[in-house]
Amino acid sequence: MDLPDIEKLSFEEKRRLVEKLLESMFAETAEPAPEWQLELARESLAEYERTGERGEPAREAIERIFRNF
């Protein structure tokens, strides 16, 4: 499988790529995503569409999440 050069993609292209990847992963799971996760994703997307603010970088978010485990 050929992967795109991530660094050359625009923010919007990266967002769509992540969205497609997550959709594909969820399609392979036996259980759908819990409603609270879907609602959180909808809220985050709505906030981005309203303000254009991208939030924190993914690496920082991932590190913060794993620190809490």
PDB file of N, CA and C in Angstrom:
ATOM      1  N   MET A   1       0.841  -1.171   0.000  1.00  0.00           N
ATOM      2  CA  MET A   1       0.000   0.000   0.000  1.00  0.00           C
ATOM      3  C   MET A   1       0.888   1.237   0.000  1.00  0.00           C
ATOM      4  N   ASP A   2       0.592   2.153  -0.880  1.00  0.00           N
ATOM      5  CA  ASP A   2       1.326   3.413  -0.934  1.00  0.00           C
ATOM      6  C   ASP A   2       0.647   4.437  -0.039  1.00  0.00           C
ATOM      7  N   LEU A   3       1.435   5.085   0.799  1.00  0.00           N
ATOM      8  CA  LEU A   3       0.902   6.122   1.669  1.00  0.00           C
ATOM      9  C   LEU A   3       1.312   7.483   1.127  1.00  0.00           C
ATOM     10  N   PRO A   4       0.439   8.478   1.278  1.00  0.00           N
ATOM     11  CA  PRO A   4       0.803   9.817   0.804  1.00  0.00           C
ATOM     12  C   PRO A   4       1.899  10.406   1.686  1.00  0.00           C
ATOM     13  N   ASP A   5       2.641  11.355   1.127  1.00  0.00           N
ATOM     14  CA  ASP A   5       3.643  12.074   1.909  1.00  0.00           C
ATOM     15  C   ASP A   5       2.880  13.037   2.822  1.00  0.00           C
ATOM     16  N   ILE A   6       2.699  12.626   4.069  1.00  0.00           N
ATOM     17  CA  ILE A   6       1.859  13.357   5.017  1.00  0.00           C
ATOM     18  C   ILE A   6       2.259  14.831   5.127  1.00  0.00           C
ATOM     19  N   GLU A   7       3.535  15.094   5.114  1.00  0.00           N
ATOM     20  CA  GLU A   7       4.008  16.474   5.284  1.00  0.00           C
ATOM     21  C   GLU A   7       3.561  17.389   4.152  1.00  0.00           C
ATOM     22  N   LYS A   8       3.267  16.831   2.996  1.00  0.00           N
ATOM     23  CA  LYS A   8       2.865  17.652   1.850  1.00  0.00           C
ATOM     24  C   LYS A   8       1.362  17.908   1.803  1.00  0.00           C
ATOM     25  N   LEU A   9       0.601  17.210   2.631  1.00  0.00           N
ATOM     26  CA  LEU A   9      -0.854  17.380   2.628  1.00  0.00           C
ATOM     27  C   LEU A   9      -1.247  18.643   3.384  1.00  0.00           C
ATOM     28  N   SER A  10      -2.333  19.266   2.948  1.00  0.00           N
ATOM     29  CA  SER A  10      -2.865  20.422   3.672  1.00  0.00           C
ATOM     30  C   SER A  10      -3.536  19.921   4.948  1.00  0.00           C
ATOM     31  N   PHE A  11      -3.846  20.843   5.834  1.00  0.00           N
ATOM     32  CA  PHE A  11      -4.535  20.475   7.068  1.00  0.00           C
ATOM     33  C   PHE A  11      -5.849  19.776   6.754  1.00  0.00           C
ATOM     34  N   GLU A  12      -6.612  20.334   5.813  1.00  0.00           N
ATOM     35  CA  GLU A  12      -7.903  19.748   5.462  1.00  0.00           C
ATOM     36  C   GLU A  12      -7.734  18.353   4.871  1.00  0.00           C
ATOM     37  N   GLU A  13      -6.726  18.129   4.055  1.00  0.00           N
ATOM     38  CA  GLU A  13      -6.469  16.798   3.495  1.00  0.00           C
ATOM     39  C   GLU A  13      -6.096  15.808   4.602  1.00  0.00           C
ATOM     40  N   LYS A  14      -5.302  16.255   5.559  1.00  0.00           N
ATOM     41  CA  LYS A  14      -4.931  15.401   6.684  1.00  0.00           C
ATOM     42  C   LYS A  14      -6.162  15.057   7.516  1.00  0.00           C
ATOM     43  N   ARG A  15      -7.029  16.051   7.745  1.00  0.00           N
ATOM     44  CA  ARG A  15      -8.247  15.804   8.521  1.00  0.00           C
ATOM     45  C   ARG A  15      -9.124  14.771   7.835  1.00  0.00           C
ATOM     46  N   ARG A  16      -9.278  14.886   6.513  1.00  0.00           N
ATOM     47  CA  ARG A  16     -10.090  13.922   5.768  1.00  0.00           C
ATOM     48  C   ARG A  16      -9.460  12.539   5.792  1.00  0.00           C
ATOM     49  N   LEU A  17      -8.134  12.474   5.706  1.00  0.00           N
ATOM     50  CA  LEU A  17      -7.434  11.191   5.758  1.00  0.00           C
ATOM     51  C   LEU A  17      -7.660  10.505   7.106  1.00  0.00           C
ATOM     52  N   VAL A  18      -7.547  11.259   8.182  1.00  0.00           N
ATOM     53  CA  VAL A  18      -7.783  10.697   9.518  1.00  0.00           C
ATOM     54  C   VAL A  18      -9.234  10.248   9.644  1.00  0.00           C
ATOM     55  N   GLU A  19     -10.157  11.055   9.143  1.00  0.00           N
ATOM     56  CA  GLU A  19     -11.568  10.700   9.204  1.00  0.00           C
ATOM     57  C   GLU A  19     -11.834   9.381   8.469  1.00  0.00           C
ATOM     58  N   LYS A  20     -11.277   9.241   7.272  1.00  0.00           N
ATOM     59  CA  LYS A  20     -11.461   8.005   6.496  1.00  0.00           C
ATOM     60  C   LYS A  20     -10.821   6.817   7.206  1.00  0.00           C
ATOM     61  N   LEU A  21      -9.649   7.011   7.779  1.00  0.00           N
ATOM     62  CA  LEU A  21      -8.965   5.947   8.500  1.00  0.00           C
ATOM     63  C   LEU A  21      -9.804   5.484   9.690  1.00  0.00           C
ATOM     64  N   LEU A  22     -10.318   6.433  10.457  1.00  0.00           N
ATOM     65  CA  LEU A  22     -11.147   6.077  11.605  1.00  0.00           C
ATOM     66  C   LEU A  22     -12.432   5.380  11.173  1.00  0.00           C
ATOM     67  N   GLU A  23     -13.051   5.868  10.111  1.00  0.00           N
ATOM     68  CA  GLU A  23     -14.261   5.209   9.607  1.00  0.00           C
ATOM     69  C   GLU A  23     -13.958   3.760   9.231  1.00  0.00           C
ATOM     70  N   SER A  24     -12.837   3.553   8.572  1.00  0.00           N
ATOM     71  CA  SER A  24     -12.444   2.206   8.155  1.00  0.00           C
ATOM     72  C   SER A  24     -12.199   1.317   9.370  1.00  0.00           C
ATOM     73  N   MET A  25     -11.524   1.857  10.376  1.00  0.00           N
ATOM     74  CA  MET A  25     -11.236   1.079  11.579  1.00  0.00           C
ATOM     75  C   MET A  25     -12.527   0.733  12.311  1.00  0.00           C
ATOM     76  N   PHE A  26     -13.437   1.703  12.443  1.00  0.00           N
ATOM     77  CA  PHE A  26     -14.699   1.445  13.129  1.00  0.00           C
ATOM     78  C   PHE A  26     -15.529   0.419  12.378  1.00  0.00           C
ATOM     79  N   ALA A  27     -15.446   0.425  11.052  1.00  0.00           N
ATOM     80  CA  ALA A  27     -16.211  -0.533  10.256  1.00  0.00           C
ATOM     81  C   ALA A  27     -15.749  -1.967  10.521  1.00  0.00           C
ATOM     82  N   GLU A  28     -14.494  -2.133  10.939  1.00  0.00           N
ATOM     83  CA  GLU A  28     -13.949  -3.464  11.194  1.00  0.00           C
ATOM     84  C   GLU A  28     -14.214  -3.952  12.612  1.00  0.00           C
ATOM     85  N   THR A  29     -14.662  -3.075  13.482  1.00  0.00           N
ATOM     86  CA  THR A  29     -14.892  -3.475  14.873  1.00  0.00           C
ATOM     87  C   THR A  29     -16.271  -4.096  15.020  1.00  0.00           C
ATOM     88  N   ALA A  30     -16.406  -4.923  16.015  1.00  0.00           N
ATOM     89  CA  ALA A  30     -17.685  -5.586  16.275  1.00  0.00           C
ATOM     90  C   ALA A  30     -18.684  -4.623  16.893  1.00  0.00           C
ATOM     91  N   GLU A  31     -18.187  -3.600  17.561  1.00  0.00           N
ATOM     92  CA  GLU A  31     -19.062  -2.659  18.241  1.00  0.00           C
ATOM     93  C   GLU A  31     -18.917  -1.276  17.634  1.00  0.00           C
ATOM     94  N   PRO A  32     -20.027  -0.580  17.442  1.00  0.00           N
ATOM     95  CA  PRO A  32     -19.933   0.799  16.941  1.00  0.00           C
ATOM     96  C   PRO A  32     -19.368   1.712  18.030  1.00  0.00           C
ATOM     97  N   ALA A  33     -18.896   2.858  17.620  1.00  0.00           N
ATOM     98  CA  ALA A  33     -18.394   3.832  18.591  1.00  0.00           C
ATOM     99  C   ALA A  33     -19.535   4.239  19.509  1.00  0.00           C
ATOM    100  N   PRO A  34     -19.240   4.426  20.790  1.00  0.00           N
ATOM    101  CA  PRO A  34     -20.284   4.865  21.714  1.00  0.00           C
ATOM    102  C   PRO A  34     -20.814   6.235  21.296  1.00  0.00           C
ATOM    103  N   GLU A  35     -22.047   6.488  21.592  1.00  0.00           N
ATOM    104  CA  GLU A  35     -22.679   7.753  21.203  1.00  0.00           C
ATOM    105  C   GLU A  35     -21.923   8.956  21.769  1.00  0.00           C
ATOM    106  N   TRP A  36     -21.386   8.840  22.994  1.00  0.00           N
ATOM    107  CA  TRP A  36     -20.677   9.982  23.572  1.00  0.00           C
ATOM    108  C   TRP A  36     -19.440  10.339  22.755  1.00  0.00           C
ATOM    109  N   GLN A  37     -18.774   9.344  22.157  1.00  0.00           N
ATOM    110  CA  GLN A  37     -17.604   9.633  21.325  1.00  0.00           C
ATOM    111  C   GLN A  37     -18.026  10.314  20.024  1.00  0.00           C
ATOM    112  N   LEU A  38     -19.118   9.840  19.443  1.00  0.00           N
ATOM    113  CA  LEU A  38     -19.623  10.460  18.223  1.00  0.00           C
ATOM    114  C   LEU A  38     -20.038  11.902  18.479  1.00  0.00           C
ATOM    115  N   GLU A  39     -20.687  12.128  19.608  1.00  0.00           N
ATOM    116  CA  GLU A  39     -21.111  13.488  19.950  1.00  0.00           C
ATOM    117  C   GLU A  39     -19.911  14.395  20.169  1.00  0.00           C
ATOM    118  N   LEU A  40     -18.882  13.899  20.837  1.00  0.00           N
ATOM    119  CA  LEU A  40     -17.661  14.674  21.038  1.00  0.00           C
ATOM    120  C   LEU A  40     -17.016  15.026  19.701  1.00  0.00           C
ATOM    121  N   ALA A  41     -16.976  14.072  18.783  1.00  0.00           N
ATOM    122  CA  ALA A  41     -16.414  14.329  17.451  1.00  0.00           C
ATOM    123  C   ALA A  41     -17.243  15.378  16.712  1.00  0.00           C
ATOM    124  N   ARG A  42     -18.569  15.282  16.811  1.00  0.00           N
ATOM    125  CA  ARG A  42     -19.445  16.270  16.152  1.00  0.00           C
ATOM    126  C   ARG A  42     -19.211  17.670  16.733  1.00  0.00           C
ATOM    127  N   GLU A  43     -19.085  17.736  18.048  1.00  0.00           N
ATOM    128  CA  GLU A  43     -18.849  19.031  18.699  1.00  0.00           C
ATOM    129  C   GLU A  43     -17.504  19.617  18.278  1.00  0.00           C
ATOM    130  N   SER A  44     -16.486  18.774  18.211  1.00  0.00           N
ATOM    131  CA  SER A  44     -15.159  19.246  17.812  1.00  0.00           C
ATOM    132  C   SER A  44     -15.171  19.754  16.382  1.00  0.00           C
ATOM    133  N   LEU A  45     -15.824  19.025  15.495  1.00  0.00           N
ATOM    134  CA  LEU A  45     -15.913  19.445  14.100  1.00  0.00           C
ATOM    135  C   LEU A  45     -16.691  20.745  13.970  1.00  0.00           C
ATOM    136  N   ALA A  46     -17.798  20.863  14.694  1.00  0.00           N
ATOM    137  CA  ALA A  46     -18.593  22.088  14.651  1.00  0.00           C
ATOM    138  C   ALA A  46     -17.785  23.282  15.157  1.00  0.00           C
ATOM    139  N   GLU A  47     -17.019  23.074  16.215  1.00  0.00           N
ATOM    140  CA  GLU A  47     -16.170  24.144  16.756  1.00  0.00           C
ATOM    141  C   GLU A  47     -15.132  24.574  15.723  1.00  0.00           C
ATOM    142  N   TYR A  48     -14.501  23.610  15.072  1.00  0.00           N
ATOM    143  CA  TYR A  48     -13.512  23.928  14.039  1.00  0.00           C
ATOM    144  C   TYR A  48     -14.166  24.679  12.888  1.00  0.00           C
ATOM    145  N   GLU A  49     -15.319  24.211  12.447  1.00  0.00           N
ATOM    146  CA  GLU A  49     -16.000  24.867  11.322  1.00  0.00           C
ATOM    147  C   GLU A  49     -16.449  26.279  11.693  1.00  0.00           C
ATOM    148  N   ARG A  50     -16.827  26.505  12.958  1.00  0.00           N
ATOM    149  CA  ARG A  50     -17.280  27.813  13.399  1.00  0.00           C
ATOM    150  C   ARG A  50     -16.117  28.788  13.580  1.00  0.00           C
ATOM    151  N   THR A  51     -15.021  28.318  14.163  1.00  0.00           N
ATOM    152  CA  THR A  51     -13.926  29.226  14.530  1.00  0.00           C
ATOM    153  C   THR A  51     -12.691  29.105  13.657  1.00  0.00           C
ATOM    154  N   GLY A  52     -12.506  27.945  13.029  1.00  0.00           N
ATOM    155  CA  GLY A  52     -11.287  27.722  12.256  1.00  0.00           C
ATOM    156  C   GLY A  52     -10.091  27.371  13.119  1.00  0.00           C
ATOM    157  N   GLU A  53     -10.298  27.320  14.445  1.00  0.00           N
ATOM    158  CA  GLU A  53      -9.195  26.972  15.343  1.00  0.00           C
ATOM    159  C   GLU A  53      -8.936  25.479  15.274  1.00  0.00           C
ATOM    160  N   ARG A  54      -7.687  25.138  15.130  1.00  0.00           N
ATOM    161  CA  ARG A  54      -7.308  23.742  14.956  1.00  0.00           C
ATOM    162  C   ARG A  54      -7.143  22.983  16.267  1.00  0.00           C
ATOM    163  N   GLY A  55      -7.080  23.646  17.370  1.00  0.00           N
ATOM    164  CA  GLY A  55      -6.861  22.956  18.631  1.00  0.00           C
ATOM    165  C   GLY A  55      -5.399  22.626  18.832  1.00  0.00           C
ATOM    166  N   GLU A  56      -5.132  21.728  19.745  1.00  0.00           N
ATOM    167  CA  GLU A  56      -3.743  21.387  20.042  1.00  0.00           C
ATOM    168  C   GLU A  56      -3.204  20.396  19.012  1.00  0.00           C
ATOM    169  N   PRO A  57      -1.890  20.402  18.804  1.00  0.00           N
ATOM    170  CA  PRO A  57      -1.301  19.440  17.873  1.00  0.00           C
ATOM    171  C   PRO A  57      -1.570  17.998  18.314  1.00  0.00           C
ATOM    172  N   ALA A  58      -1.728  17.117  17.350  1.00  0.00           N
ATOM    173  CA  ALA A  58      -2.073  15.722  17.630  1.00  0.00           C
ATOM    174  C   ALA A  58      -1.090  15.073  18.596  1.00  0.00           C
ATOM    175  N   ARG A  59       0.204  15.311  18.392  1.00  0.00           N
ATOM    176  CA  ARG A  59       1.196  14.705  19.289  1.00  0.00           C
ATOM    177  C   ARG A  59       0.964  15.100  20.739  1.00  0.00           C
ATOM    178  N   GLU A  60       0.677  16.379  20.954  1.00  0.00           N
ATOM    179  CA  GLU A  60       0.431  16.846  22.314  1.00  0.00           C
ATOM    180  C   GLU A  60      -0.835  16.214  22.878  1.00  0.00           C
ATOM    181  N   ALA A  61      -1.870  16.108  22.065  1.00  0.00           N
ATOM    182  CA  ALA A  61      -3.127  15.498  22.519  1.00  0.00           C
ATOM    183  C   ALA A  61      -2.903  14.035  22.881  1.00  0.00           C
ATOM    184  N   ILE A  62      -2.188  13.313  22.036  1.00  0.00           N
ATOM    185  CA  ILE A  62      -1.928  11.896  22.292  1.00  0.00           C
ATOM    186  C   ILE A  62      -1.104  11.725  23.561  1.00  0.00           C
ATOM    187  N   GLU A  63      -0.064  12.545  23.726  1.00  0.00           N
ATOM    188  CA  GLU A  63       0.758  12.469  24.935  1.00  0.00           C
ATOM    189  C   GLU A  63      -0.080  12.766  26.170  1.00  0.00           C
ATOM    190  N   ARG A  64      -0.966  13.776  26.095  1.00  0.00           N
ATOM    191  CA  ARG A  64      -1.826  14.125  27.230  1.00  0.00           C
ATOM    192  C   ARG A  64      -2.759  12.977  27.556  1.00  0.00           C
ATOM    193  N   ILE A  65      -3.340  12.368  26.543  1.00  0.00           N
ATOM    194  CA  ILE A  65      -4.252  11.239  26.761  1.00  0.00           C
ATOM    195  C   ILE A  65      -3.537  10.098  27.446  1.00  0.00           C
ATOM    196  N   PHE A  66      -2.344   9.738  26.951  1.00  0.00           N
ATOM    197  CA  PHE A  66      -1.631   8.607  27.530  1.00  0.00           C
ATOM    198  C   PHE A  66      -1.090   8.899  28.922  1.00  0.00           C
ATOM    199  N   ARG A  67      -0.820  10.149  29.237  1.00  0.00           N
ATOM    200  CA  ARG A  67      -0.408  10.498  30.590  1.00  0.00           C
ATOM    201  C   ARG A  67      -1.528  10.247  31.591  1.00  0.00           C
ATOM    202  N   ASN A  68      -2.768  10.339  31.123  1.00  0.00           N
ATOM    203  CA  ASN A  68      -3.920  10.171  32.015  1.00  0.00           C
ATOM    204  C   ASN A  68      -4.277   8.711  32.261  1.00  0.00           C
ATOM    205  N   PHE A  69      -3.595   7.781  31.606  1.00  0.00           N
ATOM    206  CA  PHE A  69      -3.877   6.353  31.812  1.00  0.00           C
ATOM    207  C   PHE A  69      -2.970   5.765  32.849  1.00  0.00           C
TER     208      PHE A  69
END
